């Protein structure tokens, strides 16, 4: 029983994290590999903010 609970918990968490992180990087510009840019700038330039609407 604990193994089933852990399996379901991991599956739900994986779906949730995929749903949260996947849209952030879709449709953003691609930076060529030969460009000289640091890791932090690359992360900021290729991600976007998605705000949740509250009623």
C-alpha atoms as a PDB file:
ATOM      1  CA  UNK A   1       0.000   0.000   0.000  1.00  0.00           C
ATOM      2  CA  UNK A   2       2.749   2.567   0.774  1.00  0.00           C
ATOM      3  CA  UNK A   3       4.374   1.831  -2.590  1.00  0.00           C
ATOM      4  CA  UNK A   4       1.097   2.531  -4.411  1.00  0.00           C
ATOM      5  CA  UNK A   5       0.651   5.793  -2.515  1.00  0.00           C
ATOM      6  CA  UNK A   6       4.212   6.838  -3.360  1.00  0.00           C
ATOM      7  CA  UNK A   7       3.720   5.918  -7.020  1.00  0.00           C
ATOM      8  CA  UNK A   8       0.508   7.931  -7.338  1.00  0.00           C
ATOM      9  CA  UNK A   9       2.043  10.868  -5.481  1.00  0.00           C
ATOM     10  CA  UNK A  10       5.097  10.904  -7.765  1.00  0.00           C
ATOM     11  CA  UNK A  11       2.918  10.662 -10.895  1.00  0.00           C
ATOM     12  CA  UNK A  12       0.657  13.535  -9.842  1.00  0.00           C
ATOM     13  CA  UNK A  13       3.635  15.667  -8.827  1.00  0.00           C
ATOM     14  CA  UNK A  14       5.330  14.991 -12.171  1.00  0.00           C
ATOM     15  CA  UNK A  15       2.236  16.011 -14.121  1.00  0.00           C
ATOM     16  CA  UNK A  16       1.861  19.160 -12.032  1.00  0.00           C
ATOM     17  CA  UNK A  17       5.486  20.182 -12.478  1.00  0.00           C
ATOM     18  CA  UNK A  18       5.353  19.447 -16.202  1.00  0.00           C
ATOM     19  CA  UNK A  19       2.237  21.566 -16.557  1.00  0.00           C
ATOM     20  CA  UNK A  20       3.930  24.401 -14.684  1.00  0.00           C
ATOM     21  CA  UNK A  21       7.347  24.390 -16.366  1.00  0.00           C
ATOM     22  CA  UNK A  22       6.590  23.379 -19.962  1.00  0.00           C
ATOM     23  CA  UNK A  23       4.624  26.507 -20.991  1.00  0.00           C
ATOM     24  CA  UNK A  24       7.321  28.797 -19.600  1.00  0.00           C
ATOM     25  CA  UNK A  25       9.840  27.807 -22.285  1.00  0.00           C
ATOM     26  CA  UNK A  26       7.548  27.434 -25.298  1.00  0.00           C
ATOM     27  CA  UNK A  27       7.637  30.072 -28.013  1.00  0.00           C
ATOM     28  CA  UNK A  28      10.716  31.850 -26.703  1.00  0.00           C
ATOM     29  CA  UNK A  29      13.733  32.803 -28.819  1.00  0.00           C
ATOM     30  CA  UNK A  30      16.527  30.315 -29.401  1.00  0.00           C
ATOM     31  CA  UNK A  31      20.048  31.513 -28.662  1.00  0.00           C
ATOM     32  CA  UNK A  32      22.740  30.125 -30.976  1.00  0.00           C
ATOM     33  CA  UNK A  33      25.296  27.847 -29.309  1.00  0.00           C
ATOM     34  CA  UNK A  34      28.212  29.893 -30.600  1.00  0.00           C
ATOM     35  CA  UNK A  35      27.017  33.065 -28.826  1.00  0.00           C
ATOM     36  CA  UNK A  36      29.026  34.097 -25.772  1.00  0.00           C
ATOM     37  CA  UNK A  37      26.385  34.472 -23.060  1.00  0.00           C
ATOM     38  CA  UNK A  38      26.462  33.469 -19.397  1.00  0.00           C
ATOM     39  CA  UNK A  39      24.103  30.903 -17.868  1.00  0.00           C
ATOM     40  CA  UNK A  40      21.973  33.408 -15.942  1.00  0.00           C
ATOM     41  CA  UNK A  41      21.362  35.640 -18.972  1.00  0.00           C
ATOM     42  CA  UNK A  42      20.490  32.614 -21.092  1.00  0.00           C
ATOM     43  CA  UNK A  43      17.910  31.469 -18.513  1.00  0.00           C
ATOM     44  CA  UNK A  44      16.335  34.916 -18.263  1.00  0.00           C
ATOM     45  CA  UNK A  45      16.211  35.538 -22.010  1.00  0.00           C
ATOM     46  CA  UNK A  46      14.652  32.160 -22.843  1.00  0.00           C
ATOM     47  CA  UNK A  47      11.925  32.138 -20.194  1.00  0.00           C
ATOM     48  CA  UNK A  48       8.846  34.246 -19.619  1.00  0.00           C
ATOM     49  CA  UNK A  49       6.569  35.127 -16.748  1.00  0.00           C
ATOM     50  CA  UNK A  50       3.081  33.674 -16.760  1.00  0.00           C
ATOM     51  CA  UNK A  51       0.720  35.284 -14.298  1.00  0.00           C
ATOM     52  CA  UNK A  52      -2.276  33.404 -12.958  1.00  0.00           C
ATOM     53  CA  UNK A  53      -5.553  35.236 -13.097  1.00  0.00           C
ATOM     54  CA  UNK A  54      -7.376  35.535  -9.825  1.00  0.00           C
ATOM     55  CA  UNK A  55     -11.134  36.045  -9.746  1.00  0.00           C
END
